[in-house]
C-alpha atoms as a PDB file:
ATOM      1  CA  UNK A   1       0.531   8.865  -4.867  1.00  0.00           C
ATOM      2  CA  UNK A   2      -2.046  10.945  -6.609  1.00  0.00           C
ATOM      3  CA  UNK A   3      -5.683  10.880  -7.509  1.00  0.00           C
ATOM      4  CA  UNK A   4      -9.011  11.171  -5.775  1.00  0.00           C
ATOM      5  CA  UNK A   5      -8.425   8.110  -3.593  1.00  0.00           C
ATOM      6  CA  UNK A   6      -4.788   8.761  -2.667  1.00  0.00           C
ATOM      7  CA  UNK A   7      -5.781   9.507   0.938  1.00  0.00           C
ATOM      8  CA  UNK A   8      -7.087   5.926   1.257  1.00  0.00           C
ATOM      9  CA  UNK A   9      -3.841   4.493  -0.085  1.00  0.00           C
ATOM     10  CA  UNK A  10      -1.788   6.743   2.212  1.00  0.00           C
ATOM     11  CA  UNK A  11      -3.796   5.687   5.220  1.00  0.00           C
ATOM     12  CA  UNK A  12      -3.360   2.008   4.302  1.00  0.00           C
ATOM     13  CA  UNK A  13       0.414   2.182   3.803  1.00  0.00           C
ATOM     14  CA  UNK A  14       1.008   4.142   6.988  1.00  0.00           C
ATOM     15  CA  UNK A  15      -0.772   1.545   9.124  1.00  0.00           C
ATOM     16  CA  UNK A  16       1.773  -0.725  10.787  1.00  0.00           C
ATOM     17  CA  UNK A  17      -0.662  -3.634  11.071  1.00  0.00           C
ATOM     18  CA  UNK A  18      -1.232  -3.582   7.310  1.00  0.00           C
ATOM     19  CA  UNK A  19       2.526  -3.787   6.724  1.00  0.00           C
ATOM     20  CA  UNK A  20       2.820  -6.746   9.088  1.00  0.00           C
ATOM     21  CA  UNK A  21      -0.056  -8.495   7.311  1.00  0.00           C
ATOM     22  CA  UNK A  22       1.568  -8.034   3.905  1.00  0.00           C
ATOM     23  CA  UNK A  23       4.971  -9.148   5.206  1.00  0.00           C
ATOM     24  CA  UNK A  24       3.386 -12.321   6.561  1.00  0.00           C
ATOM     25  CA  UNK A  25       1.748 -12.904   3.168  1.00  0.00           C
ATOM     26  CA  UNK A  26       5.236 -12.772   1.643  1.00  0.00           C
ATOM     27  CA  UNK A  27       5.977 -15.931   3.654  1.00  0.00           C
ATOM     28  CA  UNK A  28       2.774 -17.731   2.626  1.00  0.00           C
ATOM     29  CA  UNK A  29       3.117 -21.261   1.235  1.00  0.00           C
ATOM     30  CA  UNK A  30       1.239 -20.187  -1.911  1.00  0.00           C
ATOM     31  CA  UNK A  31       3.556 -18.663  -4.527  1.00  0.00           C
ATOM     32  CA  UNK A  32       0.595 -16.759  -5.978  1.00  0.00           C
ATOM     33  CA  UNK A  33      -0.141 -15.091  -2.644  1.00  0.00           C
ATOM     34  CA  UNK A  34       3.561 -14.270  -2.226  1.00  0.00           C
ATOM     35  CA  UNK A  35       3.645 -12.724  -5.683  1.00  0.00           C
ATOM     36  CA  UNK A  36       0.552 -10.565  -5.120  1.00  0.00           C
ATOM     37  CA  UNK A  37       1.754  -9.564  -1.631  1.00  0.00           C
ATOM     38  CA  UNK A  38       5.013  -8.400  -3.190  1.00  0.00           C
ATOM     39  CA  UNK A  39       3.110  -5.941  -5.390  1.00  0.00           C
ATOM     40  CA  UNK A  40       1.360  -4.486  -2.342  1.00  0.00           C
ATOM     41  CA  UNK A  41       4.650  -4.483  -0.382  1.00  0.00           C
ATOM     42  CA  UNK A  42       6.216  -2.319  -3.108  1.00  0.00           C
ATOM     43  CA  UNK A  43       3.664   0.368  -2.348  1.00  0.00           C
ATOM     44  CA  UNK A  44       4.781   0.420   1.299  1.00  0.00           C
ATOM     45  CA  UNK A  45       8.450   0.607   0.359  1.00  0.00           C
ATOM     46  CA  UNK A  46       8.770   2.453  -2.931  1.00  0.00           C
ATOM     47  CA  UNK A  47       5.645   4.504  -3.596  1.00  0.00           C
ATOM     48  CA  UNK A  48       5.110   5.857  -0.078  1.00  0.00           C
ATOM     49  CA  UNK A  49       7.785   8.519   0.327  1.00  0.00           C
ATOM     50  CA  UNK A  50       6.372   9.771   3.656  1.00  0.00           C
ATOM     51  CA  UNK A  51       6.451   6.596   5.700  1.00  0.00           C
ATOM     52  CA  UNK A  52       5.183   6.683   9.263  1.00  0.00           C
ATOM     53  CA  UNK A  53       7.770   6.137  11.978  1.00  0.00           C
ATOM     54  CA  UNK A  54       6.306   2.733  12.827  1.00  0.00           C
ATOM     55  CA  UNK A  55       6.538   1.548   9.212  1.00  0.00           C
ATOM     56  CA  UNK A  56      10.134   2.818   8.963  1.00  0.00           C
ATOM     57  CA  UNK A  57      11.058   1.065  12.210  1.00  0.00           C
ATOM     58  CA  UNK A  58       9.704  -2.302  11.012  1.00  0.00           C
ATOM     59  CA  UNK A  59      11.428  -1.952   7.627  1.00  0.00           C
ATOM     60  CA  UNK A  60      14.743  -1.040   9.292  1.00  0.00           C
ATOM     61  CA  UNK A  61      14.400  -3.833  11.845  1.00  0.00           C
ATOM     62  CA  UNK A  62      13.805  -6.412   9.097  1.00  0.00           C
ATOM     63  CA  UNK A  63      16.178  -4.910   6.530  1.00  0.00           C
ATOM     64  CA  UNK A  64      18.631  -7.809   6.261  1.00  0.00           C
ATOM     65  CA  UNK A  65      15.915 -10.448   6.244  1.00  0.00           C
ATOM     66  CA  UNK A  66      13.936  -8.599   3.578  1.00  0.00           C
ATOM     67  CA  UNK A  67      16.980  -8.148   1.351  1.00  0.00           C
ATOM     68  CA  UNK A  68      17.834 -11.846   1.677  1.00  0.00           C
ATOM     69  CA  UNK A  69      14.241 -12.827   0.967  1.00  0.00           C
ATOM     70  CA  UNK A  70      14.004 -10.533  -2.054  1.00  0.00           C
ATOM     71  CA  UNK A  71      17.242 -11.863  -3.531  1.00  0.00           C
ATOM     72  CA  UNK A  72      15.597 -15.307  -3.819  1.00  0.00           C
ATOM     73  CA  UNK A  73      12.024 -14.174  -4.400  1.00  0.00           C
ATOM     74  CA  UNK A  74      10.236 -16.045  -7.196  1.00  0.00           C
ATOM     75  CA  UNK A  75      13.569 -16.949  -8.822  1.00  0.00           C
ATOM     76  CA  UNK A  76      12.199 -20.293 -10.009  1.00  0.00           C
ATOM     77  CA  UNK A  77       9.468 -18.406 -11.826  1.00  0.00           C
ATOM     78  CA  UNK A  78      11.919 -16.111 -13.578  1.00  0.00           C
ATOM     79  CA  UNK A  79      10.145 -13.127 -12.073  1.00  0.00           C
ATOM     80  CA  UNK A  80      12.481 -11.104  -9.926  1.00  0.00           C
ATOM     81  CA  UNK A  81      11.709  -7.963  -7.972  1.00  0.00           C
ATOM     82  CA  UNK A  82      13.002  -4.622  -9.122  1.00  0.00           C
ATOM     83  CA  UNK A  83      16.731  -4.099  -8.519  1.00  0.00           C
ATOM     84  CA  UNK A  84      15.825  -0.632  -7.250  1.00  0.00           C
ATOM     85  CA  UNK A  85      14.793  -1.678  -3.767  1.00  0.00           C
ATOM     86  CA  UNK A  86      15.469   1.124  -1.308  1.00  0.00           C
ATOM     87  CA  UNK A  87      18.102   0.789   1.344  1.00  0.00           C
ATOM     88  CA  UNK A  88      17.340   1.308   5.001  1.00  0.00           C
ATOM     89  CA  UNK A  89      19.819   2.189   7.727  1.00  0.00           C
ATOM     90  CA  UNK A  90      20.924  -0.801   9.745  1.00  0.00           C
ATOM     91  CA  UNK A  91      19.660  -1.320  13.246  1.00  0.00           C
ATOM     92  CA  UNK A  92      19.413  -4.273  15.578  1.00  0.00           C
ATOM     93  CA  UNK A  93      18.476  -7.584  13.968  1.00  0.00           C
ATOM     94  CA  UNK A  94      15.533  -9.650  15.194  1.00  0.00           C
ATOM     95  CA  UNK A  95      13.960 -12.982  14.353  1.00  0.00           C
ATOM     96  CA  UNK A  96      11.301 -13.220  11.669  1.00  0.00           C
ATOM     97  CA  UNK A  97       9.467 -10.362  10.033  1.00  0.00           C
ATOM     98  CA  UNK A  98       7.849  -7.730  12.216  1.00  0.00           C
END
């Protein structure tokens, strides 16, 4: 992240509540909302190299569910997420995102 407003983006992606909000948008009934939420989710996962501990914990906790979700994401639209999704160490599995 670079630029004059990078501090705003960093603050946003290190806030656990923002991550939970975006993850819930990934499950929205609207495919358009899911698609746009995915683009924001990528910033949490890929762009932010210095994730807060809370963000890392939620991503690890939901690792298997996120990978399963992403493998089917927007497949009917022919728009698939990047195959370069990061891997997270496994930890206990829970129900639902966040």
